[in-house]
Amino acid sequence: MHFTSYQAAGAERGSVVGRGVLAQLQQQIPEEQDYSGALACIYCNAESYHHDFDQVIAELFCHFLPNSTNKFNIIYNCVIDENLVDEVRVAILAIT
């Protein structure tokens, strides 16, 4: 199992945080290893929830789903954190 998290602020922060957390994950996992699943927790505030959440999920799906096998699962959830005014944070636990 591999764990990483990333936080971003500003314009397009959902896409930025998605790409950032995946880049960190790729540094931990050798290319020859396949994912069998992943858990992702997306933290954002209630006001920007829909926009940020959609951007993060799009980045995660583009990365994980092309690499999937029949046993692959991605489970994701969003946590509303009002302390994140102009920020989004993502935490991923990847299973290889």
PDB file of N, CA and C in Angstrom:
ATOM      1  N   MET A   1       0.835  -1.174   0.000  1.00  0.00           N
ATOM      2  CA  MET A   1       0.000   0.000   0.000  1.00  0.00           C
ATOM      3  C   MET A   1       0.882   1.241   0.000  1.00  0.00           C
ATOM      4  N   HIS A   2       0.389   2.267  -0.607  1.00  0.00           N
ATOM      5  CA  HIS A   2       1.110   3.535  -0.718  1.00  0.00           C
ATOM      6  C   HIS A   2       0.154   4.667  -0.375  1.00  0.00           C
ATOM      7  N   PHE A   3       0.637   5.630   0.403  1.00  0.00           N
ATOM      8  CA  PHE A   3      -0.190   6.760   0.815  1.00  0.00           C
ATOM      9  C   PHE A   3       0.498   8.059   0.432  1.00  0.00           C
ATOM     10  N   THR A   4      -0.293   9.000  -0.056  1.00  0.00           N
ATOM     11  CA  THR A   4       0.210  10.335  -0.336  1.00  0.00           C
ATOM     12  C   THR A   4      -0.932  11.339  -0.238  1.00  0.00           C
ATOM     13  N   SER A   5      -0.587  12.597  -0.034  1.00  0.00           N
ATOM     14  CA  SER A   5      -1.595  13.656  -0.037  1.00  0.00           C
ATOM     15  C   SER A   5      -0.977  14.905  -0.656  1.00  0.00           C
ATOM     16  N   TYR A   6      -1.847  15.782  -1.115  1.00  0.00           N
ATOM     17  CA  TYR A   6      -1.399  16.995  -1.801  1.00  0.00           C
ATOM     18  C   TYR A   6      -2.469  18.056  -1.604  1.00  0.00           C
ATOM     19  N   GLN A   7      -2.063  19.305  -1.571  1.00  0.00           N
ATOM     20  CA  GLN A   7      -2.989  20.422  -1.391  1.00  0.00           C
ATOM     21  C   GLN A   7      -2.654  21.501  -2.399  1.00  0.00           C
ATOM     22  N   ALA A   8      -3.677  22.159  -2.937  1.00  0.00           N
ATOM     23  CA  ALA A   8      -3.466  23.232  -3.905  1.00  0.00           C
ATOM     24  C   ALA A   8      -4.497  24.335  -3.689  1.00  0.00           C
ATOM     25  N   ALA A   9      -4.141  25.531  -4.125  1.00  0.00           N
ATOM     26  CA  ALA A   9      -5.030  26.687  -4.028  1.00  0.00           C
ATOM     27  C   ALA A   9      -5.052  27.405  -5.370  1.00  0.00           C
ATOM     28  N   GLY A  10      -5.984  28.339  -5.505  1.00  0.00           N
ATOM     29  CA  GLY A  10      -6.039  29.177  -6.690  1.00  0.00           C
ATOM     30  C   GLY A  10      -6.915  28.597  -7.793  1.00  0.00           C
ATOM     31  N   ALA A  11      -6.792  29.206  -8.958  1.00  0.00           N
ATOM     32  CA  ALA A  11      -7.588  28.804 -10.107  1.00  0.00           C
ATOM     33  C   ALA A  11      -7.299  27.358 -10.499  1.00  0.00           C
ATOM     34  N   GLU A  12      -8.324  26.660 -10.901  1.00  0.00           N
ATOM     35  CA  GLU A  12      -8.220  25.264 -11.342  1.00  0.00           C
ATOM     36  C   GLU A  12      -7.568  24.369 -10.294  1.00  0.00           C
ATOM     37  N   ARG A  13      -7.762  24.704  -9.023  1.00  0.00           N
ATOM     38  CA  ARG A  13      -7.112  23.964  -7.929  1.00  0.00           C
ATOM     39  C   ARG A  13      -7.495  22.492  -7.904  1.00  0.00           C
ATOM     40  N   GLY A  14      -8.689  22.146  -8.345  1.00  0.00           N
ATOM     41  CA  GLY A  14      -9.086  20.742  -8.384  1.00  0.00           C
ATOM     42  C   GLY A  14      -8.226  19.929  -9.324  1.00  0.00           C
ATOM     43  N   SER A  15      -7.980  20.462 -10.515  1.00  0.00           N
ATOM     44  CA  SER A  15      -7.108  19.773 -11.472  1.00  0.00           C
ATOM     45  C   SER A  15      -5.664  19.758 -10.994  1.00  0.00           C
ATOM     46  N   VAL A  16      -5.223  20.876 -10.434  1.00  0.00           N
ATOM     47  CA  VAL A  16      -3.835  20.976  -9.945  1.00  0.00           C
ATOM     48  C   VAL A  16      -3.586  19.970  -8.830  1.00  0.00           C
ATOM     49  N   VAL A  17      -4.512  19.886  -7.874  1.00  0.00           N
ATOM     50  CA  VAL A  17      -4.320  18.961  -6.764  1.00  0.00           C
ATOM     51  C   VAL A  17      -4.405  17.512  -7.246  1.00  0.00           C
ATOM     52  N   GLY A  18      -5.259  17.232  -8.204  1.00  0.00           N
ATOM     53  CA  GLY A  18      -5.346  15.878  -8.758  1.00  0.00           C
ATOM     54  C   GLY A  18      -4.056  15.450  -9.421  1.00  0.00           C
ATOM     55  N   ARG A  19      -3.492  16.328 -10.254  1.00  0.00           N
ATOM     56  CA  ARG A  19      -2.223  16.008 -10.923  1.00  0.00           C
ATOM     57  C   ARG A  19      -1.077  15.921  -9.922  1.00  0.00           C
ATOM     58  N   GLY A  20      -1.091  16.790  -8.910  1.00  0.00           N
ATOM     59  CA  GLY A  20      -0.019  16.795  -7.906  1.00  0.00           C
ATOM     60  C   GLY A  20       0.013  15.534  -7.077  1.00  0.00           C
ATOM     61  N   VAL A  21      -1.151  15.089  -6.617  1.00  0.00           N
ATOM     62  CA  VAL A  21      -1.188  13.881  -5.792  1.00  0.00           C
ATOM     63  C   VAL A  21      -0.813  12.656  -6.621  1.00  0.00           C
ATOM     64  N   LEU A  22      -1.205  12.627  -7.887  1.00  0.00           N
ATOM     65  CA  LEU A  22      -0.847  11.500  -8.737  1.00  0.00           C
ATOM     66  C   LEU A  22       0.650  11.482  -9.056  1.00  0.00           C
ATOM     67  N   ALA A  23       1.248  12.646  -9.235  1.00  0.00           N
ATOM     68  CA  ALA A  23       2.697  12.716  -9.470  1.00  0.00           C
ATOM     69  C   ALA A  23       3.456  12.171  -8.261  1.00  0.00           C
ATOM     70  N   GLN A  24       3.012  12.526  -7.068  1.00  0.00           N
ATOM     71  CA  GLN A  24       3.658  12.003  -5.869  1.00  0.00           C
ATOM     72  C   GLN A  24       3.491  10.485  -5.777  1.00  0.00           C
ATOM     73  N   LEU A  25       2.324  10.008  -6.116  1.00  0.00           N
ATOM     74  CA  LEU A  25       2.059   8.572  -6.064  1.00  0.00           C
ATOM     75  C   LEU A  25       2.936   7.821  -7.062  1.00  0.00           C
ATOM     76  N   GLN A  26       3.101   8.373  -8.253  1.00  0.00           N
ATOM     77  CA  GLN A  26       3.923   7.730  -9.280  1.00  0.00           C
ATOM     78  C   GLN A  26       5.386   7.644  -8.863  1.00  0.00           C
ATOM     79  N   GLN A  27       5.844   8.565  -8.044  1.00  0.00           N
ATOM     80  CA  GLN A  27       7.219   8.501  -7.542  1.00  0.00           C
ATOM     81  C   GLN A  27       7.399   7.342  -6.578  1.00  0.00           C
ATOM     82  N   GLN A  28       6.336   6.930  -5.911  1.00  0.00           N
ATOM     83  CA  GLN A  28       6.404   5.849  -4.930  1.00  0.00           C
ATOM     84  C   GLN A  28       6.255   4.463  -5.541  1.00  0.00           C
ATOM     85  N   ILE A  29       5.546   4.356  -6.661  1.00  0.00           N
ATOM     86  CA  ILE A  29       5.171   3.052  -7.210  1.00  0.00           C
ATOM     87  C   ILE A  29       5.925   2.797  -8.516  1.00  0.00           C
ATOM     88  N   PRO A  30       6.673   1.692  -8.581  1.00  0.00           N
ATOM     89  CA  PRO A  30       7.374   1.346  -9.828  1.00  0.00           C
ATOM     90  C   PRO A  30       6.379   1.166 -10.979  1.00  0.00           C
ATOM     91  N   GLU A  31       6.807   1.517 -12.184  1.00  0.00           N
ATOM     92  CA  GLU A  31       5.921   1.465 -13.354  1.00  0.00           C
ATOM     93  C   GLU A  31       5.386   0.069 -13.633  1.00  0.00           C
ATOM     94  N   GLU A  32       6.144  -0.955 -13.297  1.00  0.00           N
ATOM     95  CA  GLU A  32       5.699  -2.315 -13.619  1.00  0.00           C
ATOM     96  C   GLU A  32       4.615  -2.831 -12.671  1.00  0.00           C
ATOM     97  N   GLN A  33       4.360  -2.120 -11.585  1.00  0.00           N
ATOM     98  CA  GLN A  33       3.314  -2.547 -10.659  1.00  0.00           C
ATOM     99  C   GLN A  33       1.960  -2.015 -11.102  1.00  0.00           C
ATOM    100  N   ASP A  34       0.966  -2.874 -11.050  1.00  0.00           N
ATOM    101  CA  ASP A  34      -0.403  -2.476 -11.370  1.00  0.00           C
ATOM    102  C   ASP A  34      -1.161  -2.154 -10.088  1.00  0.00           C
ATOM    103  N   TYR A  35      -2.113  -1.272 -10.197  1.00  0.00           N
ATOM    104  CA  TYR A  35      -2.994  -0.958  -9.079  1.00  0.00           C
ATOM    105  C   TYR A  35      -4.095  -2.005  -9.015  1.00  0.00           C
ATOM    106  N   SER A  36      -4.438  -2.428  -7.821  1.00  0.00           N
ATOM    107  CA  SER A  36      -5.620  -3.273  -7.680  1.00  0.00           C
ATOM    108  C   SER A  36      -6.763  -2.471  -7.067  1.00  0.00           C
ATOM    109  N   GLY A  37      -6.464  -1.284  -6.574  1.00  0.00           N
ATOM    110  CA  GLY A  37      -7.505  -0.430  -6.029  1.00  0.00           C
ATOM    111  C   GLY A  37      -6.939   0.825  -5.423  1.00  0.00           C
ATOM    112  N   ALA A  38      -7.814   1.745  -5.081  1.00  0.00           N
ATOM    113  CA  ALA A  38      -7.392   2.993  -4.462  1.00  0.00           C
ATOM    114  C   ALA A  38      -8.545   3.587  -3.668  1.00  0.00           C
ATOM    115  N   LEU A  39      -8.192   4.248  -2.584  1.00  0.00           N
ATOM    116  CA  LEU A  39      -9.140   5.015  -1.781  1.00  0.00           C
ATOM    117  C   LEU A  39      -8.715   6.468  -1.874  1.00  0.00           C
ATOM    118  N   ALA A  40      -9.623   7.345  -2.180  1.00  0.00           N
ATOM    119  CA  ALA A  40      -9.306   8.763  -2.287  1.00  0.00           C
ATOM    120  C   ALA A  40     -10.273   9.572  -1.434  1.00  0.00           C
ATOM    121  N   CYS A  41      -9.740  10.499  -0.668  1.00  0.00           N
ATOM    122  CA  CYS A  41     -10.564  11.406   0.125  1.00  0.00           C
ATOM    123  C   CYS A  41     -10.270  12.830  -0.349  1.00  0.00           C
ATOM    124  N   ILE A  42     -11.302  13.526  -0.750  1.00  0.00           N
ATOM    125  CA  ILE A  42     -11.172  14.872  -1.300  1.00  0.00           C
ATOM    126  C   ILE A  42     -11.754  15.848  -0.280  1.00  0.00           C
ATOM    127  N   TYR A  43     -10.948  16.811   0.141  1.00  0.00           N
ATOM    128  CA  TYR A  43     -11.364  17.809   1.128  1.00  0.00           C
ATOM    129  C   TYR A  43     -11.545  19.145   0.422  1.00  0.00           C
ATOM    130  N   CYS A  44     -12.722  19.742   0.535  1.00  0.00           N
ATOM    131  CA  CYS A  44     -12.964  21.068  -0.042  1.00  0.00           C
ATOM    132  C   CYS A  44     -14.081  21.743   0.737  1.00  0.00           C
ATOM    133  N   ASN A  45     -14.302  23.028   0.468  1.00  0.00           N
ATOM    134  CA  ASN A  45     -15.366  23.720   1.207  1.00  0.00           C
ATOM    135  C   ASN A  45     -16.699  23.585   0.468  1.00  0.00           C
ATOM    136  N   ALA A  46     -17.774  23.874   1.158  1.00  0.00           N
ATOM    137  CA  ALA A  46     -19.118  23.666   0.614  1.00  0.00           C
ATOM    138  C   ALA A  46     -19.392  24.555  -0.594  1.00  0.00           C
ATOM    139  N   GLU A  47     -18.817  25.741  -0.618  1.00  0.00           N
ATOM    140  CA  GLU A  47     -19.081  26.682  -1.710  1.00  0.00           C
ATOM    141  C   GLU A  47     -18.485  26.222  -3.034  1.00  0.00           C
ATOM    142  N   SER A  48     -17.297  25.649  -2.992  1.00  0.00           N
ATOM    143  CA  SER A  48     -16.618  25.239  -4.226  1.00  0.00           C
ATOM    144  C   SER A  48     -16.672  23.733  -4.463  1.00  0.00           C
ATOM    145  N   TYR A  49     -17.430  23.047  -3.633  1.00  0.00           N
ATOM    146  CA  TYR A  49     -17.465  21.583  -3.649  1.00  0.00           C
ATOM    147  C   TYR A  49     -17.673  21.003  -5.048  1.00  0.00           C
ATOM    148  N   HIS A  50     -18.717  21.394  -5.728  1.00  0.00           N
ATOM    149  CA  HIS A  50     -19.058  20.763  -7.008  1.00  0.00           C
ATOM    150  C   HIS A  50     -17.969  20.945  -8.047  1.00  0.00           C
ATOM    151  N   HIS A  51     -17.471  22.133  -8.184  1.00  0.00           N
ATOM    152  CA  HIS A  51     -16.441  22.412  -9.188  1.00  0.00           C
ATOM    153  C   HIS A  51     -15.135  21.690  -8.858  1.00  0.00           C
ATOM    154  N   ASP A  52     -14.660  21.830  -7.640  1.00  0.00           N
ATOM    155  CA  ASP A  52     -13.387  21.222  -7.241  1.00  0.00           C
ATOM    156  C   ASP A  52     -13.460  19.700  -7.271  1.00  0.00           C
ATOM    157  N   PHE A  53     -14.534  19.147  -6.746  1.00  0.00           N
ATOM    158  CA  PHE A  53     -14.703  17.697  -6.698  1.00  0.00           C
ATOM    159  C   PHE A  53     -14.684  17.107  -8.103  1.00  0.00           C
ATOM    160  N   ASP A  54     -15.416  17.713  -9.023  1.00  0.00           N
ATOM    161  CA  ASP A  54     -15.458  17.222 -10.403  1.00  0.00           C
ATOM    162  C   ASP A  54     -14.079  17.244 -11.057  1.00  0.00           C
ATOM    163  N   GLN A  55     -13.321  18.312 -10.823  1.00  0.00           N
ATOM    164  CA  GLN A  55     -11.979  18.402 -11.407  1.00  0.00           C
ATOM    165  C   GLN A  55     -11.061  17.306 -10.866  1.00  0.00           C
ATOM    166  N   VAL A  56     -11.093  17.090  -9.563  1.00  0.00           N
ATOM    167  CA  VAL A  56     -10.236  16.062  -8.962  1.00  0.00           C
ATOM    168  C   VAL A  56     -10.618  14.682  -9.488  1.00  0.00           C
ATOM    169  N   ILE A  57     -11.897  14.368  -9.489  1.00  0.00           N
ATOM    170  CA  ILE A  57     -12.351  13.053  -9.941  1.00  0.00           C
ATOM    171  C   ILE A  57     -11.955  12.805 -11.396  1.00  0.00           C
ATOM    172  N   ALA A  58     -12.060  13.820 -12.248  1.00  0.00           N
ATOM    173  CA  ALA A  58     -11.660  13.659 -13.647  1.00  0.00           C
ATOM    174  C   ALA A  58     -10.185  13.279 -13.748  1.00  0.00           C
ATOM    175  N   GLU A  59      -9.326  13.935 -12.972  1.00  0.00           N
ATOM    176  CA  GLU A  59      -7.887  13.609 -12.987  1.00  0.00           C
ATOM    177  C   GLU A  59      -7.641  12.184 -12.486  1.00  0.00           C
ATOM    178  N   LEU A  60      -8.301  11.810 -11.392  1.00  0.00           N
ATOM    179  CA  LEU A  60      -8.099  10.468 -10.824  1.00  0.00           C
ATOM    180  C   LEU A  60      -8.577   9.388 -11.786  1.00  0.00           C
ATOM    181  N   PHE A  61      -9.740   9.575 -12.389  1.00  0.00           N
ATOM    182  CA  PHE A  61     -10.257   8.568 -13.306  1.00  0.00           C
ATOM    183  C   PHE A  61      -9.360   8.416 -14.534  1.00  0.00           C
ATOM    184  N   CYS A  62      -8.852   9.525 -15.058  1.00  0.00           N
ATOM    185  CA  CYS A  62      -7.957   9.445 -16.223  1.00  0.00           C
ATOM    186  C   CYS A  62      -6.703   8.652 -15.898  1.00  0.00           C
ATOM    187  N   HIS A  63      -6.257   8.702 -14.657  1.00  0.00           N
ATOM    188  CA  HIS A  63      -5.054   7.973 -14.263  1.00  0.00           C
ATOM    189  C   HIS A  63      -5.349   6.517 -13.940  1.00  0.00           C
ATOM    190  N   PHE A  64      -6.326   6.270 -13.094  1.00  0.00           N
ATOM    191  CA  PHE A  64      -6.549   4.924 -12.586  1.00  0.00           C
ATOM    192  C   PHE A  64      -7.301   4.009 -13.549  1.00  0.00           C
ATOM    193  N   LEU A  65      -8.338   4.479 -14.200  1.00  0.00           N
ATOM    194  CA  LEU A  65      -9.175   3.581 -14.984  1.00  0.00           C
ATOM    195  C   LEU A  65      -8.481   2.962 -16.195  1.00  0.00           C
ATOM    196  N   PRO A  66      -7.628   3.671 -16.937  1.00  0.00           N
ATOM    197  CA  PRO A  66      -6.933   2.992 -18.041  1.00  0.00           C
ATOM    198  C   PRO A  66      -5.999   1.881 -17.553  1.00  0.00           C
ATOM    199  N   ASN A  67      -5.569   1.945 -16.302  1.00  0.00           N
ATOM    200  CA  ASN A  67      -4.656   0.944 -15.750  1.00  0.00           C
ATOM    201  C   ASN A  67      -5.402  -0.173 -15.031  1.00  0.00           C
ATOM    202  N   SER A  68      -6.710  -0.181 -15.120  1.00  0.00           N
ATOM    203  CA  SER A  68      -7.495  -1.080 -14.277  1.00  0.00           C
ATOM    204  C   SER A  68      -7.510  -2.511 -14.802  1.00  0.00           C
ATOM    205  N   THR A  69      -7.786  -3.418 -13.894  1.00  0.00           N
ATOM    206  CA  THR A  69      -8.032  -4.820 -14.217  1.00  0.00           C
ATOM    207  C   THR A  69      -9.446  -5.132 -13.750  1.00  0.00           C
ATOM    208  N   ASN A  70      -9.888  -6.355 -13.937  1.00  0.00           N
ATOM    209  CA  ASN A  70     -11.244  -6.707 -13.523  1.00  0.00           C
ATOM    210  C   ASN A  70     -11.453  -6.561 -12.023  1.00  0.00           C
ATOM    211  N   LYS A  71     -10.402  -6.672 -11.246  1.00  0.00           N
ATOM    212  CA  LYS A  71     -10.528  -6.591  -9.801  1.00  0.00           C
ATOM    213  C   LYS A  71     -10.329  -5.173  -9.264  1.00  0.00           C
ATOM    214  N   PHE A  72     -10.135  -4.210 -10.136  1.00  0.00           N
ATOM    215  CA  PHE A  72      -9.817  -2.844  -9.716  1.00  0.00           C
ATOM    216  C   PHE A  72     -11.047  -2.130  -9.168  1.00  0.00           C
ATOM    217  N   ASN A  73     -10.828  -1.393  -8.092  1.00  0.00           N
ATOM    218  CA  ASN A  73     -11.867  -0.542  -7.511  1.00  0.00           C
ATOM    219  C   ASN A  73     -11.245   0.790  -7.121  1.00  0.00           C
ATOM    220  N   ILE A  74     -11.965   1.877  -7.336  1.00  0.00           N
ATOM    221  CA  ILE A  74     -11.584   3.162  -6.759  1.00  0.00           C
ATOM    222  C   ILE A  74     -12.772   3.637  -5.934  1.00  0.00           C
ATOM    223  N   ILE A  75     -12.501   3.906  -4.688  1.00  0.00           N
ATOM    224  CA  ILE A  75     -13.518   4.399  -3.775  1.00  0.00           C
ATOM    225  C   ILE A  75     -13.129   5.829  -3.423  1.00  0.00           C
ATOM    226  N   TYR A  76     -14.061   6.747  -3.550  1.00  0.00           N
ATOM    227  CA  TYR A  76     -13.747   8.137  -3.248  1.00  0.00           C
ATOM    228  C   TYR A  76     -14.870   8.767  -2.435  1.00  0.00           C
ATOM    229  N   ASN A  77     -14.496   9.772  -1.697  1.00  0.00           N
ATOM    230  CA  ASN A  77     -15.441  10.465  -0.840  1.00  0.00           C
ATOM    231  C   ASN A  77     -15.002  11.920  -0.742  1.00  0.00           C
ATOM    232  N   CYS A  78     -15.930  12.769  -0.417  1.00  0.00           N
ATOM    233  CA  CYS A  78     -15.610  14.174  -0.217  1.00  0.00           C
ATOM    234  C   CYS A  78     -15.923  14.559   1.216  1.00  0.00           C
ATOM    235  N   VAL A  79     -15.025  15.305   1.820  1.00  0.00           N
ATOM    236  CA  VAL A  79     -15.222  15.833   3.161  1.00  0.00           C
ATOM    237  C   VAL A  79     -15.306  17.353   3.044  1.00  0.00           C
ATOM    238  N   ILE A  80     -16.372  17.917   3.563  1.00  0.00           N
ATOM    239  CA  ILE A  80     -16.519  19.371   3.551  1.00  0.00           C
ATOM    240  C   ILE A  80     -15.731  19.935   4.729  1.00  0.00           C
ATOM    241  N   ASP A  81     -14.769  20.785   4.413  1.00  0.00           N
ATOM    242  CA  ASP A  81     -13.919  21.412   5.422  1.00  0.00           C
ATOM    243  C   ASP A  81     -13.963  22.919   5.185  1.00  0.00           C
ATOM    244  N   GLU A  82     -14.700  23.643   5.999  1.00  0.00           N
ATOM    245  CA  GLU A  82     -14.864  25.082   5.808  1.00  0.00           C
ATOM    246  C   GLU A  82     -13.580  25.863   6.090  1.00  0.00           C
ATOM    247  N   ASN A  83     -12.568  25.236   6.654  1.00  0.00           N
ATOM    248  CA  ASN A  83     -11.267  25.888   6.846  1.00  0.00           C
ATOM    249  C   ASN A  83     -10.506  26.022   5.539  1.00  0.00           C
ATOM    250  N   LEU A  84     -10.902  25.277   4.522  1.00  0.00           N
ATOM    251  CA  LEU A  84     -10.262  25.345   3.203  1.00  0.00           C
ATOM    252  C   LEU A  84     -11.013  26.366   2.352  1.00  0.00           C
ATOM    253  N   VAL A  85     -10.637  27.611   2.462  1.00  0.00           N
ATOM    254  CA  VAL A  85     -11.353  28.685   1.771  1.00  0.00           C
ATOM    255  C   VAL A  85     -11.088  28.652   0.274  1.00  0.00           C
ATOM    256  N   ASP A  86      -9.824  28.692  -0.118  1.00  0.00           N
ATOM    257  CA  ASP A  86      -9.445  28.684  -1.533  1.00  0.00           C
ATOM    258  C   ASP A  86      -8.509  27.507  -1.803  1.00  0.00           C
ATOM    259  N   GLU A  87      -8.749  26.397  -1.114  1.00  0.00           N
ATOM    260  CA  GLU A  87      -7.855  25.256  -1.225  1.00  0.00           C
ATOM    261  C   GLU A  87      -8.636  23.958  -1.356  1.00  0.00           C
ATOM    262  N   VAL A  88      -7.956  22.980  -1.922  1.00  0.00           N
ATOM    263  CA  VAL A  88      -8.474  21.617  -2.007  1.00  0.00           C
ATOM    264  C   VAL A  88      -7.338  20.707  -1.574  1.00  0.00           C
ATOM    265  N   ARG A  89      -7.684  19.641  -0.832  1.00  0.00           N
ATOM    266  CA  ARG A  89      -6.688  18.664  -0.408  1.00  0.00           C
ATOM    267  C   ARG A  89      -7.192  17.280  -0.794  1.00  0.00           C
ATOM    268  N   VAL A  90      -6.281  16.435  -1.264  1.00  0.00           N
ATOM    269  CA  VAL A  90      -6.622  15.070  -1.616  1.00  0.00           C
ATOM    270  C   VAL A  90      -5.652  14.135  -0.925  1.00  0.00           C
ATOM    271  N   ALA A  91      -6.184  13.054  -0.373  1.00  0.00           N
ATOM    272  CA  ALA A  91      -5.370  11.996   0.211  1.00  0.00           C
ATOM    273  C   ALA A  91      -5.731  10.700  -0.504  1.00  0.00           C
ATOM    274  N   ILE A  92      -4.706   9.942  -0.913  1.00  0.00           N
ATOM    275  CA  ILE A  92      -4.931   8.684  -1.631  1.00  0.00           C
ATOM    276  C   ILE A  92      -4.168   7.558  -0.958  1.00  0.00           C
ATOM    277  N   LEU A  93      -4.851   6.445  -0.809  1.00  0.00           N
ATOM    278  CA  LEU A  93      -4.234   5.198  -0.404  1.00  0.00           C
ATOM    279  C   LEU A  93      -4.362   4.264  -1.591  1.00  0.00           C
ATOM    280  N   ALA A  94      -3.253   3.926  -2.218  1.00  0.00           N
ATOM    281  CA  ALA A  94      -3.262   3.075  -3.399  1.00  0.00           C
ATOM    282  C   ALA A  94      -2.795   1.670  -3.034  1.00  0.00           C
ATOM    283  N   ILE A  95      -3.469   0.693  -3.564  1.00  0.00           N
ATOM    284  CA  ILE A  95      -3.148  -0.698  -3.301  1.00  0.00           C
ATOM    285  C   ILE A  95      -2.550  -1.290  -4.568  1.00  0.00           C
ATOM    286  N   THR A  96      -1.372  -1.865  -4.438  1.00  0.00           N
ATOM    287  CA  THR A  96      -0.695  -2.460  -5.596  1.00  0.00           C
ATOM    288  C   THR A  96      -0.513  -3.937  -5.379  1.00  0.00           C
TER     289      THR A  96
END
